[in-house]
PDB file of N, CA and C in Angstrom:
ATOM      1  N   MET A   1     -16.064  -5.255 -19.394  1.00  0.00           N
ATOM      2  CA  MET A   1     -16.899  -5.582 -18.260  1.00  0.00           C
ATOM      3  C   MET A   1     -16.086  -6.266 -17.166  1.00  0.00           C
ATOM      4  N   ALA A   2     -15.165  -7.169 -17.554  1.00  0.00           N
ATOM      5  CA  ALA A   2     -14.341  -7.862 -16.572  1.00  0.00           C
ATOM      6  C   ALA A   2     -13.404  -6.881 -15.873  1.00  0.00           C
ATOM      7  N   ALA A   3     -12.945  -5.858 -16.607  1.00  0.00           N
ATOM      8  CA  ALA A   3     -12.044  -4.867 -16.005  1.00  0.00           C
ATOM      9  C   ALA A   3     -12.750  -4.103 -14.889  1.00  0.00           C
ATOM     10  N   ASN A   4     -14.032  -3.823 -15.076  1.00  0.00           N
ATOM     11  CA  ASN A   4     -14.800  -3.146 -14.022  1.00  0.00           C
ATOM     12  C   ASN A   4     -14.895  -4.014 -12.772  1.00  0.00           C
ATOM     13  N   ARG A   5     -15.083  -5.308 -12.976  1.00  0.00           N
ATOM     14  CA  ARG A   5     -15.198  -6.233 -11.850  1.00  0.00           C
ATOM     15  C   ARG A   5     -13.870  -6.307 -11.093  1.00  0.00           C
ATOM     16  N   ILE A   6     -12.770  -6.436 -11.817  1.00  0.00           N
ATOM     17  CA  ILE A   6     -11.452  -6.485 -11.174  1.00  0.00           C
ATOM     18  C   ILE A   6     -11.189  -5.177 -10.417  1.00  0.00           C
ATOM     19  N   GLY A   7     -11.579  -4.052 -11.008  1.00  0.00           N
ATOM     20  CA  GLY A   7     -11.411  -2.760 -10.341  1.00  0.00           C
ATOM     21  C   GLY A   7     -12.182  -2.695  -9.036  1.00  0.00           C
ATOM     22  N   ARG A   8     -13.419  -3.199  -9.051  1.00  0.00           N
ATOM     23  CA  ARG A   8     -14.224  -3.219  -7.820  1.00  0.00           C
ATOM     24  C   ARG A   8     -13.616  -4.151  -6.778  1.00  0.00           C
ATOM     25  N   ILE A   9     -13.127  -5.296  -7.236  1.00  0.00           N
ATOM     26  CA  ILE A   9     -12.495  -6.247  -6.315  1.00  0.00           C
ATOM     27  C   ILE A   9     -11.243  -5.622  -5.702  1.00  0.00           C
ATOM     28  N   ASN A  10     -10.446  -4.938  -6.527  1.00  0.00           N
ATOM     29  CA  ASN A  10      -9.250  -4.257  -6.013  1.00  0.00           C
ATOM     30  C   ASN A  10      -9.611  -3.240  -4.940  1.00  0.00           C
ATOM     31  N   GLU A  11     -10.650  -2.463  -5.179  1.00  0.00           N
ATOM     32  CA  GLU A  11     -11.091  -1.469  -4.198  1.00  0.00           C
ATOM     33  C   GLU A  11     -11.581  -2.130  -2.916  1.00  0.00           C
ATOM     34  N   ASP A  12     -12.331  -3.232  -3.060  1.00  0.00           N
ATOM     35  CA  ASP A  12     -12.830  -3.947  -1.883  1.00  0.00           C
ATOM     36  C   ASP A  12     -11.679  -4.506  -1.057  1.00  0.00           C
ATOM     37  N   ILE A  13     -10.708  -5.122  -1.737  1.00  0.00           N
ATOM     38  CA  ILE A  13      -9.557  -5.686  -1.028  1.00  0.00           C
ATOM     39  C   ILE A  13      -8.784  -4.571  -0.331  1.00  0.00           C
ATOM     40  N   GLN A  14      -8.592  -3.441  -1.013  1.00  0.00           N
ATOM     41  CA  GLN A  14      -7.860  -2.322  -0.426  1.00  0.00           C
ATOM     42  C   GLN A  14      -8.569  -1.811   0.816  1.00  0.00           C
ATOM     43  N   ARG A  15      -9.869  -1.631   0.730  1.00  0.00           N
ATOM     44  CA  ARG A  15     -10.642  -1.111   1.865  1.00  0.00           C
ATOM     45  C   ARG A  15     -10.584  -2.077   3.051  1.00  0.00           C
ATOM     46  N   GLU A  16     -10.786  -3.362   2.795  1.00  0.00           N
ATOM     47  CA  GLU A  16     -10.809  -4.337   3.890  1.00  0.00           C
ATOM     48  C   GLU A  16      -9.424  -4.538   4.496  1.00  0.00           C
ATOM     49  N   LEU A  17      -8.385  -4.570   3.652  1.00  0.00           N
ATOM     50  CA  LEU A  17      -7.033  -4.723   4.185  1.00  0.00           C
ATOM     51  C   LEU A  17      -6.629  -3.524   5.028  1.00  0.00           C
ATOM     52  N   SER A  18      -7.083  -2.340   4.641  1.00  0.00           N
ATOM     53  CA  SER A  18      -6.767  -1.140   5.417  1.00  0.00           C
ATOM     54  C   SER A  18      -7.301  -1.253   6.840  1.00  0.00           C
ATOM     55  N   SER A  19      -8.470  -1.825   6.981  1.00  0.00           N
ATOM     56  CA  SER A  19      -9.017  -1.982   8.325  1.00  0.00           C
ATOM     57  C   SER A  19      -8.403  -3.188   9.049  1.00  0.00           C
ATOM     58  N   LEU A  20      -8.079  -4.251   8.312  1.00  0.00           N
ATOM     59  CA  LEU A  20      -7.524  -5.448   8.944  1.00  0.00           C
ATOM     60  C   LEU A  20      -6.078  -5.262   9.395  1.00  0.00           C
ATOM     61  N   ILE A  21      -5.315  -4.476   8.663  1.00  0.00           N
ATOM     62  CA  ILE A  21      -3.880  -4.360   8.956  1.00  0.00           C
ATOM     63  C   ILE A  21      -3.633  -3.715  10.318  1.00  0.00           C
ATOM     64  N   THR A  22      -4.596  -2.935  10.791  1.00  0.00           N
ATOM     65  CA  THR A  22      -4.448  -2.332  12.121  1.00  0.00           C
ATOM     66  C   THR A  22      -4.652  -3.358  13.236  1.00  0.00           C
ATOM     67  N   LYS A  23      -5.270  -4.491  12.906  1.00  0.00           N
ATOM     68  CA  LYS A  23      -5.542  -5.528  13.902  1.00  0.00           C
ATOM     69  C   LYS A  23      -4.427  -6.562  14.005  1.00  0.00           C
ATOM     70  N   VAL A  24      -3.429  -6.467  13.126  1.00  0.00           N
ATOM     71  CA  VAL A  24      -2.309  -7.407  13.177  1.00  0.00           C
ATOM     72  C   VAL A  24      -1.494  -7.121  14.427  1.00  0.00           C
ATOM     73  N   LYS A  25      -1.211  -8.154  15.211  1.00  0.00           N
ATOM     74  CA  LYS A  25      -0.544  -7.965  16.489  1.00  0.00           C
ATOM     75  C   LYS A  25       0.980  -8.056  16.391  1.00  0.00           C
ATOM     76  N   ASP A  26       1.509  -8.389  15.238  1.00  0.00           N
ATOM     77  CA  ASP A  26       2.956  -8.525  15.050  1.00  0.00           C
ATOM     78  C   ASP A  26       3.637  -7.162  15.207  1.00  0.00           C
ATOM     79  N   PRO A  27       4.590  -7.025  16.132  1.00  0.00           N
ATOM     80  CA  PRO A  27       5.246  -5.720  16.334  1.00  0.00           C
ATOM     81  C   PRO A  27       6.036  -5.242  15.114  1.00  0.00           C
ATOM     82  N   ARG A  28       6.437  -6.167  14.235  1.00  0.00           N
ATOM     83  CA  ARG A  28       7.140  -5.760  13.015  1.00  0.00           C
ATOM     84  C   ARG A  28       6.225  -4.974  12.090  1.00  0.00           C
ATOM     85  N   VAL A  29       4.939  -5.276  12.152  1.00  0.00           N
ATOM     86  CA  VAL A  29       3.964  -4.600  11.294  1.00  0.00           C
ATOM     87  C   VAL A  29       3.521  -3.279  11.916  1.00  0.00           C
ATOM     88  N   GLN A  30       3.584  -3.172  13.224  1.00  0.00           N
ATOM     89  CA  GLN A  30       3.112  -1.973  13.915  1.00  0.00           C
ATOM     90  C   GLN A  30       4.216  -0.926  14.129  1.00  0.00           C
ATOM     91  N   GLN A  31       5.258  -0.948  13.284  1.00  0.00           N
ATOM     92  CA  GLN A  31       6.378  -0.015  13.424  1.00  0.00           C
ATOM     93  C   GLN A  31       5.972   1.424  13.114  1.00  0.00           C
ATOM     94  N   GLY A  32       5.190   1.639  12.106  1.00  0.00           N
ATOM     95  CA  GLY A  32       4.789   2.982  11.694  1.00  0.00           C
ATOM     96  C   GLY A  32       3.351   2.945  11.215  1.00  0.00           C
ATOM     97  N   MET A  33       2.911   4.037  10.653  1.00  0.00           N
ATOM     98  CA  MET A  33       1.551   4.087  10.126  1.00  0.00           C
ATOM     99  C   MET A  33       1.570   3.542   8.698  1.00  0.00           C
ATOM    100  N   ILE A  34       0.889   2.445   8.475  1.00  0.00           N
ATOM    101  CA  ILE A  34       0.871   1.780   7.177  1.00  0.00           C
ATOM    102  C   ILE A  34      -0.405   2.141   6.446  1.00  0.00           C
ATOM    103  N   SER A  35      -0.248   2.524   5.170  1.00  0.00           N
ATOM    104  CA  SER A  35      -1.394   2.820   4.315  1.00  0.00           C
ATOM    105  C   SER A  35      -1.352   1.891   3.111  1.00  0.00           C
ATOM    106  N   ILE A  36      -2.494   1.369   2.749  1.00  0.00           N
ATOM    107  CA  ILE A  36      -2.605   0.569   1.531  1.00  0.00           C
ATOM    108  C   ILE A  36      -2.915   1.557   0.411  1.00  0.00           C
ATOM    109  N   THR A  37      -1.966   1.745  -0.513  1.00  0.00           N
ATOM    110  CA  THR A  37      -2.148   2.743  -1.567  1.00  0.00           C
ATOM    111  C   THR A  37      -2.786   2.171  -2.819  1.00  0.00           C
ATOM    112  N   GLY A  38      -2.738   0.865  -2.981  1.00  0.00           N
ATOM    113  CA  GLY A  38      -3.345   0.270  -4.162  1.00  0.00           C
ATOM    114  C   GLY A  38      -3.254  -1.237  -4.124  1.00  0.00           C
ATOM    115  N   VAL A  39      -4.085  -1.871  -4.946  1.00  0.00           N
ATOM    116  CA  VAL A  39      -4.095  -3.326  -5.077  1.00  0.00           C
ATOM    117  C   VAL A  39      -4.258  -3.658  -6.548  1.00  0.00           C
ATOM    118  N   ASP A  40      -3.436  -4.577  -7.036  1.00  0.00           N
ATOM    119  CA  ASP A  40      -3.569  -5.096  -8.399  1.00  0.00           C
ATOM    120  C   ASP A  40      -3.798  -6.588  -8.313  1.00  0.00           C
ATOM    121  N   THR A  41      -4.980  -7.025  -8.715  1.00  0.00           N
ATOM    122  CA  THR A  41      -5.335  -8.436  -8.674  1.00  0.00           C
ATOM    123  C   THR A  41      -5.245  -9.011 -10.076  1.00  0.00           C
ATOM    124  N   THR A  42      -4.733 -10.231 -10.172  1.00  0.00           N
ATOM    125  CA  THR A  42      -4.675 -10.886 -11.477  1.00  0.00           C
ATOM    126  C   THR A  42      -6.087 -11.251 -11.922  1.00  0.00           C
ATOM    127  N   GLY A  43      -6.251 -11.474 -13.198  1.00  0.00           N
ATOM    128  CA  GLY A  43      -7.570 -11.761 -13.757  1.00  0.00           C
ATOM    129  C   GLY A  43      -8.208 -13.020 -13.214  1.00  0.00           C
ATOM    130  N   ASP A  44      -7.391 -14.011 -12.825  1.00  0.00           N
ATOM    131  CA  ASP A  44      -7.945 -15.253 -12.292  1.00  0.00           C
ATOM    132  C   ASP A  44      -8.118 -15.223 -10.763  1.00  0.00           C
ATOM    133  N   LEU A  45      -7.866 -14.068 -10.156  1.00  0.00           N
ATOM    134  CA  LEU A  45      -8.029 -13.845  -8.714  1.00  0.00           C
ATOM    135  C   LEU A  45      -7.134 -14.732  -7.853  1.00  0.00           C
ATOM    136  N   ARG A  46      -6.016 -15.190  -8.392  1.00  0.00           N
ATOM    137  CA  ARG A  46      -5.108 -16.042  -7.622  1.00  0.00           C
ATOM    138  C   ARG A  46      -4.102 -15.226  -6.810  1.00  0.00           C
ATOM    139  N   PHE A  47      -3.700 -14.076  -7.340  1.00  0.00           N
ATOM    140  CA  PHE A  47      -2.690 -13.256  -6.680  1.00  0.00           C
ATOM    141  C   PHE A  47      -3.136 -11.803  -6.641  1.00  0.00           C
ATOM    142  N   ALA A  48      -2.768 -11.119  -5.570  1.00  0.00           N
ATOM    143  CA  ALA A  48      -3.038  -9.689  -5.447  1.00  0.00           C
ATOM    144  C   ALA A  48      -1.768  -9.012  -4.955  1.00  0.00           C
ATOM    145  N   LYS A  49      -1.280  -8.068  -5.742  1.00  0.00           N
ATOM    146  CA  LYS A  49      -0.113  -7.285  -5.332  1.00  0.00           C
ATOM    147  C   LYS A  49      -0.640  -6.087  -4.567  1.00  0.00           C
ATOM    148  N   VAL A  50      -0.250  -5.993  -3.306  1.00  0.00           N
ATOM    149  CA  VAL A  50      -0.731  -4.945  -2.408  1.00  0.00           C
ATOM    150  C   VAL A  50       0.392  -3.932  -2.229  1.00  0.00           C
ATOM    151  N   TYR A  51       0.129  -2.674  -2.592  1.00  0.00           N
ATOM    152  CA  TYR A  51       1.118  -1.616  -2.479  1.00  0.00           C
ATOM    153  C   TYR A  51       0.906  -0.884  -1.160  1.00  0.00           C
ATOM    154  N   ILE A  52       1.981  -0.800  -0.371  1.00  0.00           N
ATOM    155  CA  ILE A  52       1.893  -0.163   0.937  1.00  0.00           C
ATOM    156  C   ILE A  52       2.831   1.034   1.010  1.00  0.00           C
ATOM    157  N   SER A  53       2.410   2.014   1.760  1.00  0.00           N
ATOM    158  CA  SER A  53       3.227   3.186   2.057  1.00  0.00           C
ATOM    159  C   SER A  53       3.292   3.304   3.562  1.00  0.00           C
ATOM    160  N   VAL A  54       4.499   3.597   4.066  1.00  0.00           N
ATOM    161  CA  VAL A  54       4.697   3.644   5.512  1.00  0.00           C
ATOM    162  C   VAL A  54       5.176   5.028   5.902  1.00  0.00           C
ATOM    163  N   LEU A  55       4.519   5.601   6.885  1.00  0.00           N
ATOM    164  CA  LEU A  55       4.905   6.898   7.417  1.00  0.00           C
ATOM    165  C   LEU A  55       5.722   6.664   8.680  1.00  0.00           C
ATOM    166  N   GLY A  56       6.890   7.258   8.726  1.00  0.00           N
ATOM    167  CA  GLY A  56       7.775   7.086   9.876  1.00  0.00           C
ATOM    168  C   GLY A  56       8.964   6.216   9.502  1.00  0.00           C
ATOM    169  N   SER A  57       9.919   6.161  10.392  1.00  0.00           N
ATOM    170  CA  SER A  57      11.112   5.364  10.133  1.00  0.00           C
ATOM    171  C   SER A  57      10.839   3.913  10.521  1.00  0.00           C
ATOM    172  N   VAL A  58      11.035   3.028   9.563  1.00  0.00           N
ATOM    173  CA  VAL A  58      10.788   1.613   9.788  1.00  0.00           C
ATOM    174  C   VAL A  58      11.922   0.802   9.181  1.00  0.00           C
ATOM    175  N   ASP A  59      12.075  -0.410   9.688  1.00  0.00           N
ATOM    176  CA  ASP A  59      12.990  -1.365   9.093  1.00  0.00           C
ATOM    177  C   ASP A  59      12.194  -2.114   8.020  1.00  0.00           C
ATOM    178  N   GLU A  60      12.456  -1.760   6.765  1.00  0.00           N
ATOM    179  CA  GLU A  60      11.650  -2.291   5.668  1.00  0.00           C
ATOM    180  C   GLU A  60      11.722  -3.811   5.574  1.00  0.00           C
ATOM    181  N   LYS A  61      12.892  -4.368   5.832  1.00  0.00           N
ATOM    182  CA  LYS A  61      13.071  -5.821   5.758  1.00  0.00           C
ATOM    183  C   LYS A  61      12.198  -6.519   6.806  1.00  0.00           C
ATOM    184  N   GLU A  62      12.206  -5.995   8.027  1.00  0.00           N
ATOM    185  CA  GLU A  62      11.393  -6.570   9.101  1.00  0.00           C
ATOM    186  C   GLU A  62       9.903  -6.386   8.833  1.00  0.00           C
ATOM    187  N   LEU A  63       9.540  -5.234   8.272  1.00  0.00           N
ATOM    188  CA  LEU A  63       8.138  -4.979   7.942  1.00  0.00           C
ATOM    189  C   LEU A  63       7.636  -6.006   6.931  1.00  0.00           C
ATOM    190  N   LYS A  64       8.444  -6.255   5.896  1.00  0.00           N
ATOM    191  CA  LYS A  64       8.035  -7.241   4.885  1.00  0.00           C
ATOM    192  C   LYS A  64       7.929  -8.641   5.483  1.00  0.00           C
ATOM    193  N   LYS A  65       8.842  -8.988   6.394  1.00  0.00           N
ATOM    194  CA  LYS A  65       8.762 -10.291   7.056  1.00  0.00           C
ATOM    195  C   LYS A  65       7.481 -10.399   7.879  1.00  0.00           C
ATOM    196  N   GLY A  66       7.165  -9.311   8.599  1.00  0.00           N
ATOM    197  CA  GLY A  66       5.956  -9.302   9.414  1.00  0.00           C
ATOM    198  C   GLY A  66       4.701  -9.418   8.567  1.00  0.00           C
ATOM    199  N   LEU A  67       4.661  -8.701   7.451  1.00  0.00           N
ATOM    200  CA  LEU A  67       3.492  -8.776   6.565  1.00  0.00           C
ATOM    201  C   LEU A  67       3.379 -10.155   5.926  1.00  0.00           C
ATOM    202  N   LYS A  68       4.512 -10.740   5.590  1.00  0.00           N
ATOM    203  CA  LYS A  68       4.476 -12.073   4.989  1.00  0.00           C
ATOM    204  C   LYS A  68       3.975 -13.105   5.994  1.00  0.00           C
ATOM    205  N   SER A  69       4.373 -12.971   7.260  1.00  0.00           N
ATOM    206  CA  SER A  69       3.894 -13.918   8.264  1.00  0.00           C
ATOM    207  C   SER A  69       2.416 -13.689   8.596  1.00  0.00           C
ATOM    208  N   ALA A  70       1.939 -12.451   8.455  1.00  0.00           N
ATOM    209  CA  ALA A  70       0.531 -12.155   8.727  1.00  0.00           C
ATOM    210  C   ALA A  70      -0.350 -12.428   7.515  1.00  0.00           C
ATOM    211  N   SER A  71       0.248 -12.677   6.378  1.00  0.00           N
ATOM    212  CA  SER A  71      -0.494 -12.850   5.135  1.00  0.00           C
ATOM    213  C   SER A  71      -1.553 -13.955   5.183  1.00  0.00           C
ATOM    214  N   PRO A  72      -1.255 -15.150   5.727  1.00  0.00           N
ATOM    215  CA  PRO A  72      -2.321 -16.174   5.795  1.00  0.00           C
ATOM    216  C   PRO A  72      -3.530 -15.730   6.614  1.00  0.00           C
ATOM    217  N   TRP A  73      -3.290 -15.052   7.738  1.00  0.00           N
ATOM    218  CA  TRP A  73      -4.407 -14.568   8.550  1.00  0.00           C
ATOM    219  C   TRP A  73      -5.207 -13.517   7.790  1.00  0.00           C
ATOM    220  N   LEU A  74      -4.490 -12.577   7.149  1.00  0.00           N
ATOM    221  CA  LEU A  74      -5.171 -11.540   6.374  1.00  0.00           C
ATOM    222  C   LEU A  74      -5.980 -12.153   5.241  1.00  0.00           C
ATOM    223  N   ARG A  75      -5.407 -13.145   4.587  1.00  0.00           N
ATOM    224  CA  ARG A  75      -6.100 -13.811   3.472  1.00  0.00           C
ATOM    225  C   ARG A  75      -7.364 -14.525   3.968  1.00  0.00           C
ATOM    226  N   ARG A  76      -7.252 -15.201   5.100  1.00  0.00           N
ATOM    227  CA  ARG A  76      -8.413 -15.910   5.660  1.00  0.00           C
ATOM    228  C   ARG A  76      -9.516 -14.922   6.040  1.00  0.00           C
ATOM    229  N   GLU A  77      -9.126 -13.809   6.657  1.00  0.00           N
ATOM    230  CA  GLU A  77     -10.111 -12.790   7.026  1.00  0.00           C
ATOM    231  C   GLU A  77     -10.765 -12.179   5.785  1.00  0.00           C
ATOM    232  N   LEU A  78      -9.955 -11.918   4.754  1.00  0.00           N
ATOM    233  CA  LEU A  78     -10.522 -11.393   3.499  1.00  0.00           C
ATOM    234  C   LEU A  78     -11.529 -12.373   2.918  1.00  0.00           C
ATOM    235  N   GLY A  79     -11.183 -13.658   2.950  1.00  0.00           N
ATOM    236  CA  GLY A  79     -12.076 -14.686   2.414  1.00  0.00           C
ATOM    237  C   GLY A  79     -13.407 -14.733   3.136  1.00  0.00           C
ATOM    238  N   SER A  80     -13.390 -14.481   4.439  1.00  0.00           N
ATOM    239  CA  SER A  80     -14.652 -14.518   5.182  1.00  0.00           C
ATOM    240  C   SER A  80     -15.474 -13.249   4.965  1.00  0.00           C
ATOM    241  N   ILE A  81     -14.801 -12.133   4.643  1.00  0.00           N
ATOM    242  CA  ILE A  81     -15.520 -10.869   4.439  1.00  0.00           C
ATOM    243  C   ILE A  81     -16.050 -10.748   3.010  1.00  0.00           C
ATOM    244  N   LEU A  82     -15.180 -11.052   2.037  1.00  0.00           N
ATOM    245  CA  LEU A  82     -15.552 -10.911   0.626  1.00  0.00           C
ATOM    246  C   LEU A  82     -16.064 -12.239   0.090  1.00  0.00           C
ATOM    247  N   SER A  83     -17.052 -12.177  -0.756  1.00  0.00           N
ATOM    248  CA  SER A  83     -17.568 -13.410  -1.345  1.00  0.00           C
ATOM    249  C   SER A  83     -16.977 -13.571  -2.750  1.00  0.00           C
ATOM    250  N   LEU A  84     -15.804 -14.199  -2.780  1.00  0.00           N
ATOM    251  CA  LEU A  84     -15.106 -14.438  -4.033  1.00  0.00           C
ATOM    252  C   LEU A  84     -14.901 -15.936  -4.209  1.00  0.00           C
ATOM    253  N   ARG A  85     -14.791 -16.371  -5.441  1.00  0.00           N
ATOM    254  CA  ARG A  85     -14.518 -17.780  -5.700  1.00  0.00           C
ATOM    255  C   ARG A  85     -13.162 -18.162  -5.120  1.00  0.00           C
ATOM    256  N   TYR A  86     -12.166 -17.330  -5.381  1.00  0.00           N
ATOM    257  CA  TYR A  86     -10.827 -17.545  -4.839  1.00  0.00           C
ATOM    258  C   TYR A  86     -10.424 -16.310  -4.046  1.00  0.00           C
ATOM    259  N   THR A  87      -9.816 -16.552  -2.917  1.00  0.00           N
ATOM    260  CA  THR A  87      -9.240 -15.438  -2.170  1.00  0.00           C
ATOM    261  C   THR A  87      -7.790 -15.349  -2.617  1.00  0.00           C
ATOM    262  N   PRO A  88      -7.384 -14.200  -3.156  1.00  0.00           N
ATOM    263  CA  PRO A  88      -6.036 -14.118  -3.734  1.00  0.00           C
ATOM    264  C   PRO A  88      -4.925 -14.193  -2.685  1.00  0.00           C
ATOM    265  N   GLU A  89      -3.793 -14.742  -3.113  1.00  0.00           N
ATOM    266  CA  GLU A  89      -2.596 -14.737  -2.285  1.00  0.00           C
ATOM    267  C   GLU A  89      -2.049 -13.318  -2.287  1.00  0.00           C
ATOM    268  N   LEU A  90      -1.684 -12.813  -1.133  1.00  0.00           N
ATOM    269  CA  LEU A  90      -1.273 -11.417  -0.995  1.00  0.00           C
ATOM    270  C   LEU A  90       0.243 -11.286  -1.129  1.00  0.00           C
ATOM    271  N   ILE A  91       0.661 -10.393  -2.009  1.00  0.00           N
ATOM    272  CA  ILE A  91       2.072 -10.088  -2.208  1.00  0.00           C
ATOM    273  C   ILE A  91       2.241  -8.609  -1.895  1.00  0.00           C
ATOM    274  N   PHE A  92       3.040  -8.296  -0.893  1.00  0.00           N
ATOM    275  CA  PHE A  92       3.196  -6.915  -0.449  1.00  0.00           C
ATOM    276  C   PHE A  92       4.408  -6.270  -1.110  1.00  0.00           C
ATOM    277  N   GLU A  93       4.199  -5.067  -1.651  1.00  0.00           N
ATOM    278  CA  GLU A  93       5.254  -4.280  -2.285  1.00  0.00           C
ATOM    279  C   GLU A  93       5.248  -2.890  -1.680  1.00  0.00           C
ATOM    280  N   ARG A  94       6.427  -2.312  -1.498  1.00  0.00           N
ATOM    281  CA  ARG A  94       6.545  -0.954  -0.968  1.00  0.00           C
ATOM    282  C   ARG A  94       6.233   0.037  -2.075  1.00  0.00           C
ATOM    283  N   ASP A  95       5.369   0.981  -1.809  1.00  0.00           N
ATOM    284  CA  ASP A  95       5.025   2.039  -2.760  1.00  0.00           C
ATOM    285  C   ASP A  95       5.730   3.310  -2.308  1.00  0.00           C
ATOM    286  N   SER A  96       6.711   3.726  -3.074  1.00  0.00           N
ATOM    287  CA  SER A  96       7.487   4.905  -2.685  1.00  0.00           C
ATOM    288  C   SER A  96       7.053   6.144  -3.458  1.00  0.00           C
ATOM    289  N   SER A  97       5.898   6.110  -4.073  1.00  0.00           N
ATOM    290  CA  SER A  97       5.448   7.246  -4.876  1.00  0.00           C
ATOM    291  C   SER A  97       5.195   8.485  -4.018  1.00  0.00           C
ATOM    292  N   ILE A  98       4.768   8.310  -2.781  1.00  0.00           N
ATOM    293  CA  ILE A  98       4.518   9.454  -1.904  1.00  0.00           C
ATOM    294  C   ILE A  98       5.834  10.152  -1.575  1.00  0.00           C
ATOM    295  N   GLU A  99       6.874   9.351  -1.266  1.00  0.00           N
ATOM    296  CA  GLU A  99       8.190   9.943  -0.984  1.00  0.00           C
ATOM    297  C   GLU A  99       8.744  10.647  -2.212  1.00  0.00           C
ATOM    298  N   ARG A 100       8.585  10.009  -3.394  1.00  0.00           N
ATOM    299  CA  ARG A 100       9.061  10.642  -4.625  1.00  0.00           C
ATOM    300  C   ARG A 100       8.304  11.934  -4.897  1.00  0.00           C
ATOM    301  N   GLY A 101       7.014  11.941  -4.671  1.00  0.00           N
ATOM    302  CA  GLY A 101       6.209  13.146  -4.867  1.00  0.00           C
ATOM    303  C   GLY A 101       6.628  14.265  -3.934  1.00  0.00           C
ATOM    304  N   ALA A 102       6.925  13.918  -2.682  1.00  0.00           N
ATOM    305  CA  ALA A 102       7.378  14.931  -1.720  1.00  0.00           C
ATOM    306  C   ALA A 102       8.736  15.491  -2.133  1.00  0.00           C
ATOM    307  N   ARG A 103       9.602  14.627  -2.626  1.00  0.00           N
ATOM    308  CA  ARG A 103      10.931  15.077  -3.076  1.00  0.00           C
ATOM    309  C   ARG A 103      10.802  15.997  -4.289  1.00  0.00           C
ATOM    310  N   ILE A 104       9.951  15.651  -5.233  1.00  0.00           N
ATOM    311  CA  ILE A 104       9.734  16.495  -6.416  1.00  0.00           C
ATOM    312  C   ILE A 104       9.157  17.844  -6.005  1.00  0.00           C
ATOM    313  N   SER A 105       8.212  17.819  -5.072  1.00  0.00           N
ATOM    314  CA  SER A 105       7.626  19.072  -4.572  1.00  0.00           C
ATOM    315  C   SER A 105       8.690  19.945  -3.908  1.00  0.00           C
ATOM    316  N   GLN A 106       9.574  19.310  -3.157  1.00  0.00           N
ATOM    317  CA  GLN A 106      10.661  20.048  -2.503  1.00  0.00           C
ATOM    318  C   GLN A 106      11.583  20.685  -3.546  1.00  0.00           C
ATOM    319  N   ILE A 107      11.889  19.964  -4.612  1.00  0.00           N
ATOM    320  CA  ILE A 107      12.744  20.491  -5.680  1.00  0.00           C
ATOM    321  C   ILE A 107      12.062  21.670  -6.373  1.00  0.00           C
ATOM    322  N   ILE A 108      10.776  21.531  -6.646  1.00  0.00           N
ATOM    323  CA  ILE A 108      10.026  22.612  -7.305  1.00  0.00           C
ATOM    324  C   ILE A 108       9.980  23.845  -6.411  1.00  0.00           C
ATOM    325  N   ASN A 109       9.746  23.655  -5.114  1.00  0.00           N
ATOM    326  CA  ASN A 109       9.741  24.782  -4.189  1.00  0.00           C
ATOM    327  C   ASN A 109      11.106  25.455  -4.149  1.00  0.00           C
ATOM    328  N   GLY A 110      12.167  24.678  -4.231  1.00  0.00           N
ATOM    329  CA  GLY A 110      13.511  25.236  -4.266  1.00  0.00           C
ATOM    330  C   GLY A 110      13.742  26.059  -5.520  1.00  0.00           C
ATOM    331  N   LEU A 111      13.175  25.629  -6.632  1.00  0.00           N
ATOM    332  CA  LEU A 111      13.295  26.389  -7.881  1.00  0.00           C
ATOM    333  C   LEU A 111      12.522  27.693  -7.801  1.00  0.00           C
ATOM    334  N   ASP A 112      11.352  27.656  -7.174  1.00  0.00           N
ATOM    335  CA  ASP A 112      10.558  28.882  -7.023  1.00  0.00           C
ATOM    336  C   ASP A 112      11.318  29.917  -6.199  1.00  0.00           C
ATOM    337  N   ILE A 113      11.953  29.491  -5.133  1.00  0.00           N
ATOM    338  CA  ILE A 113      12.717  30.411  -4.297  1.00  0.00           C
ATOM    339  C   ILE A 113      13.889  30.983  -5.083  1.00  0.00           C
ATOM    340  N   LYS A 114      14.548  30.138  -5.875  1.00  0.00           N
ATOM    341  CA  LYS A 114      15.675  30.583  -6.680  1.00  0.00           C
ATOM    342  C   LYS A 114      15.219  31.595  -7.730  1.00  0.00           C
ATOM    343  N   ASN A 115      14.074  31.370  -8.354  1.00  0.00           N
ATOM    344  CA  ASN A 115      13.533  32.290  -9.364  1.00  0.00           C
ATOM    345  C   ASN A 115      13.150  33.632  -8.716  1.00  0.00           C
ATOM    346  N   ASP A 116      12.590  33.601  -7.513  1.00  0.00           N
ATOM    347  CA  ASP A 116      12.251  34.836  -6.812  1.00  0.00           C
ATOM    348  C   ASP A 116      13.507  35.647  -6.508  1.00  0.00           C
ATOM    349  N   ASP A 117      14.588  34.974  -6.133  1.00  0.00           N
ATOM    350  CA  ASP A 117      15.850  35.652  -5.852  1.00  0.00           C
ATOM    351  C   ASP A 117      16.429  36.294  -7.126  1.00  0.00           C
ATOM    352  N   ASP A 118      16.302  35.595  -8.253  1.00  0.00           N
ATOM    353  CA  ASP A 118      16.793  36.121  -9.532  1.00  0.00           C
ATOM    354  C   ASP A 118      15.975  37.339  -9.966  1.00  0.00           C
ATOM    355  N   ALA A 119      14.669  37.320  -9.696  1.00  0.00           N
ATOM    356  CA  ALA A 119      13.806  38.434 -10.103  1.00  0.00           C
ATOM    357  C   ALA A 119      14.101  39.677  -9.257  1.00  0.00           C
ATOM    358  N   ASP A 120      14.478  39.486  -7.994  1.00  0.00           N
ATOM    359  CA  ASP A 120      14.781  40.623  -7.110  1.00  0.00           C
ATOM    360  C   ASP A 120      16.095  41.309  -7.492  1.00  0.00           C
ATOM    361  N   ALA A 121      17.008  40.573  -8.093  1.00  0.00           N
ATOM    362  CA  ALA A 121      18.333  41.147  -8.415  1.00  0.00           C
ATOM    363  C   ALA A 121      18.325  42.024  -9.616  1.00  0.00           C
TER     364      ALA A 121
END
């Protein structure tokens, strides 16, 4: 039962952060299109690891600095929107699964082309 609650909280945080992150005025955060791909909240609601994916070329170090500086504002806004006992501290992590998936797809497509060439010979 508690796992269902944490899952719902993760979804709520993800949805609200997705809308809030566009309102951050820090130019380090507005480098590319940022997507929140997932949130993992601890059971005591003290910390939330937020996984982000960025489309476009960005300076990852500067992006993380910008998100870290915007974190108190984002946390305060989350606290006012969500009714939780504790508003979790936000820890931002880069999610590179989309890039890895695109690379794997590219490799598979390359194999298909190679197999078609072998079948024609």
